[in-house]
Amino acid sequence: MPELAEKVAKLAGLVPQLSVPIMTVNLIDGIIRELERAQSQLRALVDLLARAAAAGQRAQELGDEDLARLAGCAQEDAATATGNVLRGLGAIAGILGIVAPLLAAIGGPQLPDLSSLDGAGLDQALAAIDALVSILRTARDGIPLP
């Protein structure tokens, strides 16, 4: 009998009324993980930019052209890395396009569009990602699971 119960539980996950909420929660969990990864990378870049700016300021104080060039390179590298992290969120935007109608079907919140992050500064991008993670967590907690 215990085996029958396990098999019935597995089959129940295939019923649309049960499988759609489970799939939605799994998608949301994956999106949150990727957004948190991007947040971590962006916060590291904020720290890098702050150190590079301090090094650039110190280079000016000392009149050290080599240090100024290095600080400038670090700032350029951070800007490139920021663009790469934000472009990497394009895949997440596609998955959000799948999740949004599922959330709408159960009366969930409308999700913001990540395309607004194109060309955004670090602070603006971090604030947008923070808001999206908060919305997704709230939506996830509101989905009834079998």
N, C-alpha and C. Protein backbone atom coordinates (compact mmCIF):
# COMPACT_ATOMS: atom_id res chain seq x y z
N MET A 1 0.79 -1.20 0.00
CA MET A 1 0.00 0.00 0.00
C MET A 1 0.83 1.27 0.00
N PRO A 2 1.94 1.33 0.72
CA PRO A 2 2.74 2.56 0.69
C PRO A 2 3.21 2.89 -0.73
N GLU A 3 3.51 1.85 -1.51
CA GLU A 3 3.95 2.08 -2.89
C GLU A 3 2.84 2.70 -3.71
N LEU A 4 1.62 2.27 -3.48
CA LEU A 4 0.48 2.82 -4.20
C LEU A 4 0.31 4.30 -3.89
N ALA A 5 0.47 4.66 -2.64
CA ALA A 5 0.35 6.07 -2.25
C ALA A 5 1.41 6.93 -2.94
N GLU A 6 2.64 6.42 -3.03
CA GLU A 6 3.71 7.15 -3.72
C GLU A 6 3.38 7.33 -5.20
N LYS A 7 2.88 6.28 -5.82
CA LYS A 7 2.55 6.35 -7.25
C LYS A 7 1.40 7.31 -7.50
N VAL A 8 0.40 7.30 -6.63
CA VAL A 8 -0.73 8.22 -6.77
C VAL A 8 -0.23 9.67 -6.60
N ALA A 9 0.67 9.90 -5.66
CA ALA A 9 1.21 11.25 -5.44
C ALA A 9 1.97 11.73 -6.68
N LYS A 10 2.72 10.84 -7.31
CA LYS A 10 3.45 11.21 -8.52
C LYS A 10 2.49 11.53 -9.66
N LEU A 11 1.46 10.73 -9.80
CA LEU A 11 0.48 10.96 -10.86
C LEU A 11 -0.32 12.24 -10.61
N ALA A 12 -0.58 12.55 -9.35
CA ALA A 12 -1.34 13.76 -9.03
C ALA A 12 -0.61 15.01 -9.51
N GLY A 13 0.71 14.96 -9.51
CA GLY A 13 1.49 16.10 -10.00
C GLY A 13 1.32 16.37 -11.47
N LEU A 14 0.73 15.42 -12.20
CA LEU A 14 0.50 15.60 -13.64
C LEU A 14 -0.85 16.24 -13.94
N VAL A 15 -1.72 16.29 -12.97
CA VAL A 15 -3.04 16.90 -13.15
C VAL A 15 -2.84 18.41 -13.24
N PRO A 16 -3.37 19.07 -14.28
CA PRO A 16 -3.11 20.51 -14.47
C PRO A 16 -3.41 21.37 -13.25
N GLN A 17 -4.47 21.06 -12.52
CA GLN A 17 -4.80 21.87 -11.35
C GLN A 17 -3.71 21.79 -10.29
N LEU A 18 -2.94 20.73 -10.31
CA LEU A 18 -1.85 20.57 -9.35
C LEU A 18 -0.49 20.91 -9.97
N SER A 19 -0.30 20.55 -11.24
CA SER A 19 1.01 20.73 -11.85
C SER A 19 1.31 22.19 -12.18
N VAL A 20 0.31 22.97 -12.54
CA VAL A 20 0.57 24.38 -12.89
C VAL A 20 1.08 25.17 -11.69
N PRO A 21 0.46 25.06 -10.52
CA PRO A 21 1.02 25.78 -9.37
C PRO A 21 2.44 25.32 -9.02
N ILE A 22 2.68 24.01 -9.10
CA ILE A 22 4.02 23.49 -8.79
C ILE A 22 5.03 24.03 -9.81
N MET A 23 4.68 24.00 -11.08
CA MET A 23 5.57 24.51 -12.12
C MET A 23 5.83 26.01 -11.92
N THR A 24 4.79 26.75 -11.58
CA THR A 24 4.94 28.19 -11.38
C THR A 24 5.87 28.48 -10.21
N VAL A 25 5.70 27.77 -9.12
CA VAL A 25 6.57 27.97 -7.95
C VAL A 25 8.01 27.61 -8.31
N ASN A 26 8.22 26.53 -9.04
CA ASN A 26 9.57 26.15 -9.43
C ASN A 26 10.21 27.20 -10.34
N LEU A 27 9.44 27.74 -11.26
CA LEU A 27 9.97 28.80 -12.13
C LEU A 27 10.32 30.04 -11.32
N ILE A 28 9.43 30.41 -10.41
CA ILE A 28 9.69 31.60 -9.58
C ILE A 28 10.93 31.38 -8.73
N ASP A 29 11.09 30.21 -8.15
CA ASP A 29 12.29 29.92 -7.35
C ASP A 29 13.56 30.06 -8.19
N GLY A 30 13.53 29.56 -9.42
CA GLY A 30 14.68 29.69 -10.30
C GLY A 30 14.98 31.14 -10.66
N ILE A 31 13.94 31.90 -10.92
CA ILE A 31 14.11 33.32 -11.24
C ILE A 31 14.72 34.06 -10.05
N ILE A 32 14.19 33.79 -8.87
CA ILE A 32 14.72 34.46 -7.67
C ILE A 32 16.19 34.13 -7.48
N ARG A 33 16.57 32.87 -7.66
CA ARG A 33 17.99 32.49 -7.52
C ARG A 33 18.87 33.26 -8.50
N GLU A 34 18.43 33.37 -9.75
CA GLU A 34 19.23 34.08 -10.75
C GLU A 34 19.29 35.58 -10.46
N LEU A 35 18.18 36.14 -10.01
CA LEU A 35 18.18 37.57 -9.66
C LEU A 35 19.09 37.83 -8.47
N GLU A 36 19.10 36.94 -7.50
CA GLU A 36 19.99 37.10 -6.35
C GLU A 36 21.45 36.98 -6.77
N ARG A 37 21.73 36.11 -7.73
CA ARG A 37 23.09 35.99 -8.25
C ARG A 37 23.51 37.30 -8.92
N ALA A 38 22.60 37.86 -9.72
CA ALA A 38 22.89 39.14 -10.38
C ALA A 38 23.07 40.25 -9.35
N GLN A 39 22.25 40.26 -8.30
CA GLN A 39 22.39 41.25 -7.24
C GLN A 39 23.78 41.18 -6.61
N SER A 40 24.21 39.97 -6.33
CA SER A 40 25.52 39.77 -5.71
C SER A 40 26.63 40.31 -6.62
N GLN A 41 26.55 39.99 -7.90
CA GLN A 41 27.55 40.48 -8.85
C GLN A 41 27.52 42.01 -8.94
N LEU A 42 26.33 42.59 -8.98
CA LEU A 42 26.23 44.04 -9.09
C LEU A 42 26.74 44.73 -7.83
N ARG A 43 26.47 44.15 -6.67
CA ARG A 43 26.99 44.74 -5.42
C ARG A 43 28.51 44.68 -5.38
N ALA A 44 29.09 43.60 -5.89
CA ALA A 44 30.55 43.50 -5.96
C ALA A 44 31.10 44.58 -6.90
N LEU A 45 30.37 44.84 -7.98
CA LEU A 45 30.81 45.89 -8.91
C LEU A 45 30.69 47.28 -8.29
N VAL A 46 29.69 47.50 -7.46
CA VAL A 46 29.58 48.78 -6.75
C VAL A 46 30.81 48.97 -5.87
N ASP A 47 31.20 47.92 -5.15
CA ASP A 47 32.38 47.99 -4.30
C ASP A 47 33.64 48.25 -5.12
N LEU A 48 33.76 47.56 -6.26
CA LEU A 48 34.91 47.76 -7.13
C LEU A 48 34.98 49.19 -7.64
N LEU A 49 33.86 49.73 -8.05
CA LEU A 49 33.83 51.11 -8.54
C LEU A 49 34.21 52.09 -7.44
N ALA A 50 33.76 51.84 -6.23
CA ALA A 50 34.11 52.73 -5.12
C ALA A 50 35.62 52.70 -4.86
N ARG A 51 36.20 51.50 -4.89
CA ARG A 51 37.65 51.40 -4.69
C ARG A 51 38.42 52.04 -5.84
N ALA A 52 37.93 51.86 -7.06
CA ALA A 52 38.60 52.45 -8.22
C ALA A 52 38.51 53.97 -8.17
N ALA A 53 37.37 54.50 -7.74
CA ALA A 53 37.22 55.95 -7.63
C ALA A 53 38.16 56.50 -6.56
N ALA A 54 38.27 55.78 -5.44
CA ALA A 54 39.18 56.21 -4.37
C ALA A 54 40.63 56.17 -4.87
N ALA A 55 40.97 55.14 -5.63
CA ALA A 55 42.33 55.04 -6.18
C ALA A 55 42.57 56.17 -7.18
N GLY A 56 41.57 56.48 -7.98
CA GLY A 56 41.71 57.59 -8.93
C GLY A 56 41.91 58.92 -8.22
N GLN A 57 41.15 59.13 -7.15
CA GLN A 57 41.30 60.36 -6.35
C GLN A 57 42.69 60.43 -5.74
N ARG A 58 43.14 59.31 -5.21
CA ARG A 58 44.48 59.27 -4.60
C ARG A 58 45.56 59.50 -5.66
N ALA A 59 45.36 58.96 -6.86
CA ALA A 59 46.31 59.16 -7.95
C ALA A 59 46.42 60.65 -8.30
N GLN A 60 45.30 61.35 -8.30
CA GLN A 60 45.33 62.79 -8.59
C GLN A 60 46.08 63.53 -7.50
N GLU A 61 45.82 63.16 -6.24
CA GLU A 61 46.50 63.80 -5.12
C GLU A 61 48.01 63.62 -5.20
N LEU A 62 48.42 62.42 -5.65
CA LEU A 62 49.85 62.10 -5.72
C LEU A 62 50.47 62.51 -7.06
N GLY A 63 49.61 62.79 -8.05
CA GLY A 63 50.12 63.07 -9.38
C GLY A 63 50.69 61.82 -10.05
N ASP A 64 50.17 60.69 -9.70
CA ASP A 64 50.65 59.40 -10.21
C ASP A 64 49.83 58.99 -11.43
N GLU A 65 50.41 59.18 -12.62
CA GLU A 65 49.69 58.87 -13.86
C GLU A 65 49.44 57.37 -14.04
N ASP A 66 50.36 56.53 -13.60
CA ASP A 66 50.18 55.08 -13.73
C ASP A 66 48.99 54.60 -12.89
N LEU A 67 48.93 55.09 -11.67
CA LEU A 67 47.82 54.72 -10.79
C LEU A 67 46.50 55.25 -11.37
N ALA A 68 46.54 56.44 -11.94
CA ALA A 68 45.32 57.00 -12.54
C ALA A 68 44.84 56.15 -13.71
N ARG A 69 45.79 55.67 -14.53
CA ARG A 69 45.42 54.79 -15.65
C ARG A 69 44.83 53.47 -15.14
N LEU A 70 45.44 52.90 -14.12
CA LEU A 70 44.92 51.66 -13.55
C LEU A 70 43.52 51.85 -12.98
N ALA A 71 43.30 52.95 -12.30
CA ALA A 71 41.97 53.23 -11.74
C ALA A 71 40.96 53.42 -12.87
N GLY A 72 41.38 54.08 -13.93
CA GLY A 72 40.49 54.26 -15.09
C GLY A 72 40.15 52.93 -15.75
N CYS A 73 41.13 52.07 -15.86
CA CYS A 73 40.89 50.73 -16.44
C CYS A 73 39.92 49.94 -15.56
N ALA A 74 40.09 50.02 -14.25
CA ALA A 74 39.19 49.31 -13.34
C ALA A 74 37.76 49.81 -13.50
N GLN A 75 37.61 51.12 -13.66
CA GLN A 75 36.27 51.69 -13.83
C GLN A 75 35.66 51.24 -15.16
N GLU A 76 36.46 51.21 -16.22
CA GLU A 76 35.96 50.73 -17.52
C GLU A 76 35.59 49.25 -17.46
N ASP A 77 36.42 48.46 -16.79
CA ASP A 77 36.12 47.03 -16.65
C ASP A 77 34.82 46.82 -15.87
N ALA A 78 34.62 47.60 -14.83
CA ALA A 78 33.40 47.48 -14.03
C ALA A 78 32.18 47.86 -14.86
N ALA A 79 32.31 48.88 -15.69
CA ALA A 79 31.19 49.29 -16.55
C ALA A 79 30.87 48.18 -17.55
N THR A 80 31.89 47.55 -18.11
CA THR A 80 31.68 46.45 -19.04
C THR A 80 31.02 45.26 -18.33
N ALA A 81 31.52 44.94 -17.15
CA ALA A 81 30.95 43.83 -16.38
C ALA A 81 29.49 44.10 -16.00
N THR A 82 29.18 45.35 -15.67
CA THR A 82 27.81 45.72 -15.34
C THR A 82 26.90 45.47 -16.54
N GLY A 83 27.33 45.89 -17.70
CA GLY A 83 26.55 45.65 -18.92
C GLY A 83 26.34 44.18 -19.17
N ASN A 84 27.37 43.39 -18.93
CA ASN A 84 27.26 41.94 -19.14
C ASN A 84 26.27 41.30 -18.17
N VAL A 85 26.30 41.71 -16.91
CA VAL A 85 25.36 41.17 -15.93
C VAL A 85 23.94 41.55 -16.33
N LEU A 86 23.73 42.80 -16.72
CA LEU A 86 22.37 43.23 -17.08
C LEU A 86 21.89 42.55 -18.35
N ARG A 87 22.78 42.33 -19.31
CA ARG A 87 22.39 41.59 -20.52
C ARG A 87 22.05 40.15 -20.18
N GLY A 88 22.73 39.59 -19.21
CA GLY A 88 22.46 38.22 -18.78
C GLY A 88 21.06 38.05 -18.21
N LEU A 89 20.46 39.14 -17.79
CA LEU A 89 19.10 39.07 -17.27
C LEU A 89 18.07 38.93 -18.38
N GLY A 90 18.50 38.99 -19.63
CA GLY A 90 17.59 38.82 -20.76
C GLY A 90 16.90 37.47 -20.73
N ALA A 91 17.62 36.44 -20.33
CA ALA A 91 17.01 35.10 -20.23
C ALA A 91 15.94 35.09 -19.15
N ILE A 92 16.20 35.79 -18.07
CA ILE A 92 15.22 35.88 -16.99
C ILE A 92 13.97 36.59 -17.48
N ALA A 93 14.15 37.62 -18.30
CA ALA A 93 13.00 38.34 -18.84
C ALA A 93 12.11 37.39 -19.65
N GLY A 94 12.73 36.48 -20.39
CA GLY A 94 11.95 35.51 -21.16
C GLY A 94 11.15 34.58 -20.26
N ILE A 95 11.75 34.14 -19.17
CA ILE A 95 11.04 33.27 -18.24
C ILE A 95 9.93 34.05 -17.52
N LEU A 96 10.20 35.32 -17.22
CA LEU A 96 9.15 36.15 -16.62
C LEU A 96 7.95 36.26 -17.55
N GLY A 97 8.22 36.25 -18.86
CA GLY A 97 7.14 36.28 -19.83
C GLY A 97 6.26 35.03 -19.77
N ILE A 98 6.82 33.94 -19.30
CA ILE A 98 6.05 32.71 -19.11
C ILE A 98 5.30 32.76 -17.77
N VAL A 99 5.97 33.26 -16.75
CA VAL A 99 5.40 33.27 -15.40
C VAL A 99 4.28 34.31 -15.27
N ALA A 100 4.44 35.46 -15.93
CA ALA A 100 3.46 36.55 -15.76
C ALA A 100 2.02 36.12 -16.04
N PRO A 101 1.74 35.43 -17.16
CA PRO A 101 0.35 35.01 -17.38
C PRO A 101 -0.13 33.97 -16.37
N LEU A 102 0.79 33.13 -15.90
CA LEU A 102 0.41 32.15 -14.88
C LEU A 102 0.02 32.84 -13.59
N LEU A 103 0.79 33.87 -13.22
CA LEU A 103 0.45 34.63 -12.02
C LEU A 103 -0.85 35.40 -12.20
N ALA A 104 -1.03 35.96 -13.39
CA ALA A 104 -2.26 36.70 -13.66
C ALA A 104 -3.48 35.77 -13.56
N ALA A 105 -3.31 34.53 -13.99
CA ALA A 105 -4.42 33.58 -13.96
C ALA A 105 -4.88 33.27 -12.54
N ILE A 106 -3.98 33.41 -11.58
CA ILE A 106 -4.36 33.14 -10.19
C ILE A 106 -4.52 34.44 -9.39
N GLY A 107 -4.58 35.57 -10.10
CA GLY A 107 -4.79 36.85 -9.43
C GLY A 107 -3.54 37.41 -8.80
N GLY A 108 -2.38 37.00 -9.29
CA GLY A 108 -1.11 37.47 -8.74
C GLY A 108 -0.76 38.86 -9.26
N PRO A 109 0.35 39.40 -8.79
CA PRO A 109 0.76 40.75 -9.17
C PRO A 109 1.30 40.81 -10.60
N GLN A 110 1.25 42.01 -11.15
CA GLN A 110 1.86 42.24 -12.46
C GLN A 110 3.37 42.41 -12.24
N LEU A 111 4.15 41.77 -13.10
CA LEU A 111 5.60 41.80 -12.94
C LEU A 111 6.20 42.94 -13.76
N PRO A 112 7.21 43.62 -13.22
CA PRO A 112 7.85 44.69 -13.98
C PRO A 112 8.66 44.13 -15.14
N ASP A 113 8.92 44.97 -16.12
CA ASP A 113 9.66 44.60 -17.32
C ASP A 113 11.14 44.86 -17.08
N LEU A 114 11.97 43.84 -17.25
CA LEU A 114 13.41 43.99 -17.03
C LEU A 114 14.09 44.77 -18.15
N SER A 115 13.42 44.99 -19.26
CA SER A 115 14.06 45.73 -20.35
C SER A 115 14.35 47.17 -19.95
N SER A 116 13.71 47.65 -18.90
CA SER A 116 13.96 49.01 -18.43
C SER A 116 15.36 49.14 -17.82
N LEU A 117 16.03 48.03 -17.61
CA LEU A 117 17.37 48.07 -17.04
C LEU A 117 18.45 48.35 -18.08
N ASP A 118 18.11 48.31 -19.36
CA ASP A 118 19.10 48.60 -20.40
C ASP A 118 19.64 50.00 -20.20
N GLY A 119 20.94 50.08 -19.98
CA GLY A 119 21.58 51.37 -19.79
C GLY A 119 21.38 51.96 -18.41
N ALA A 120 20.79 51.20 -17.49
CA ALA A 120 20.55 51.69 -16.14
C ALA A 120 21.85 51.72 -15.35
N GLY A 121 21.91 52.62 -14.39
CA GLY A 121 23.04 52.66 -13.49
C GLY A 121 22.95 51.53 -12.48
N LEU A 122 24.03 51.31 -11.76
CA LEU A 122 24.06 50.21 -10.79
C LEU A 122 23.00 50.37 -9.71
N ASP A 123 22.87 51.57 -9.16
CA ASP A 123 21.90 51.77 -8.09
C ASP A 123 20.48 51.53 -8.58
N GLN A 124 20.18 52.02 -9.77
CA GLN A 124 18.85 51.84 -10.35
C GLN A 124 18.58 50.37 -10.63
N ALA A 125 19.57 49.67 -11.17
CA ALA A 125 19.40 48.24 -11.47
C ALA A 125 19.20 47.44 -10.19
N LEU A 126 19.99 47.73 -9.16
CA LEU A 126 19.85 47.01 -7.90
C LEU A 126 18.48 47.26 -7.27
N ALA A 127 18.00 48.49 -7.34
CA ALA A 127 16.68 48.81 -6.78
C ALA A 127 15.58 48.06 -7.53
N ALA A 128 15.69 48.01 -8.85
CA ALA A 128 14.68 47.31 -9.66
C ALA A 128 14.69 45.81 -9.37
N ILE A 129 15.88 45.24 -9.24
CA ILE A 129 15.99 43.81 -8.96
C ILE A 129 15.47 43.51 -7.56
N ASP A 130 15.80 44.38 -6.58
CA ASP A 130 15.28 44.19 -5.22
C ASP A 130 13.76 44.18 -5.22
N ALA A 131 13.17 45.13 -5.94
CA ALA A 131 11.71 45.21 -6.00
C ALA A 131 11.12 43.97 -6.65
N LEU A 132 11.73 43.51 -7.73
CA LEU A 132 11.23 42.32 -8.42
C LEU A 132 11.33 41.08 -7.54
N VAL A 133 12.43 40.92 -6.83
CA VAL A 133 12.59 39.77 -5.93
C VAL A 133 11.51 39.81 -4.85
N SER A 134 11.25 40.97 -4.32
CA SER A 134 10.22 41.11 -3.29
C SER A 134 8.84 40.73 -3.84
N ILE A 135 8.52 41.20 -5.03
CA ILE A 135 7.23 40.88 -5.67
C ILE A 135 7.13 39.37 -5.90
N LEU A 136 8.20 38.78 -6.40
CA LEU A 136 8.19 37.34 -6.69
C LEU A 136 8.05 36.50 -5.42
N ARG A 137 8.72 36.92 -4.36
CA ARG A 137 8.60 36.17 -3.10
C ARG A 137 7.17 36.23 -2.56
N THR A 138 6.58 37.42 -2.64
CA THR A 138 5.20 37.57 -2.19
C THR A 138 4.26 36.71 -3.03
N ALA A 139 4.47 36.74 -4.35
CA ALA A 139 3.62 35.94 -5.24
C ALA A 139 3.81 34.45 -4.96
N ARG A 140 5.05 34.05 -4.78
CA ARG A 140 5.34 32.64 -4.53
C ARG A 140 4.66 32.17 -3.24
N ASP A 141 4.73 32.99 -2.21
CA ASP A 141 4.12 32.61 -0.94
C ASP A 141 2.60 32.52 -1.04
N GLY A 142 2.03 33.21 -2.01
CA GLY A 142 0.58 33.21 -2.16
C GLY A 142 0.04 32.08 -3.04
N ILE A 143 0.92 31.28 -3.62
CA ILE A 143 0.47 30.19 -4.49
C ILE A 143 0.21 28.95 -3.64
N PRO A 144 -1.04 28.50 -3.65
CA PRO A 144 -1.35 27.29 -2.86
C PRO A 144 -0.78 26.04 -3.53
N LEU A 145 -0.06 25.28 -2.76
CA LEU A 145 0.52 24.03 -3.27
C LEU A 145 -0.21 22.84 -2.68
N PRO A 146 -0.31 21.79 -3.48
CA PRO A 146 -1.00 20.58 -2.98
C PRO A 146 -0.19 19.91 -1.89
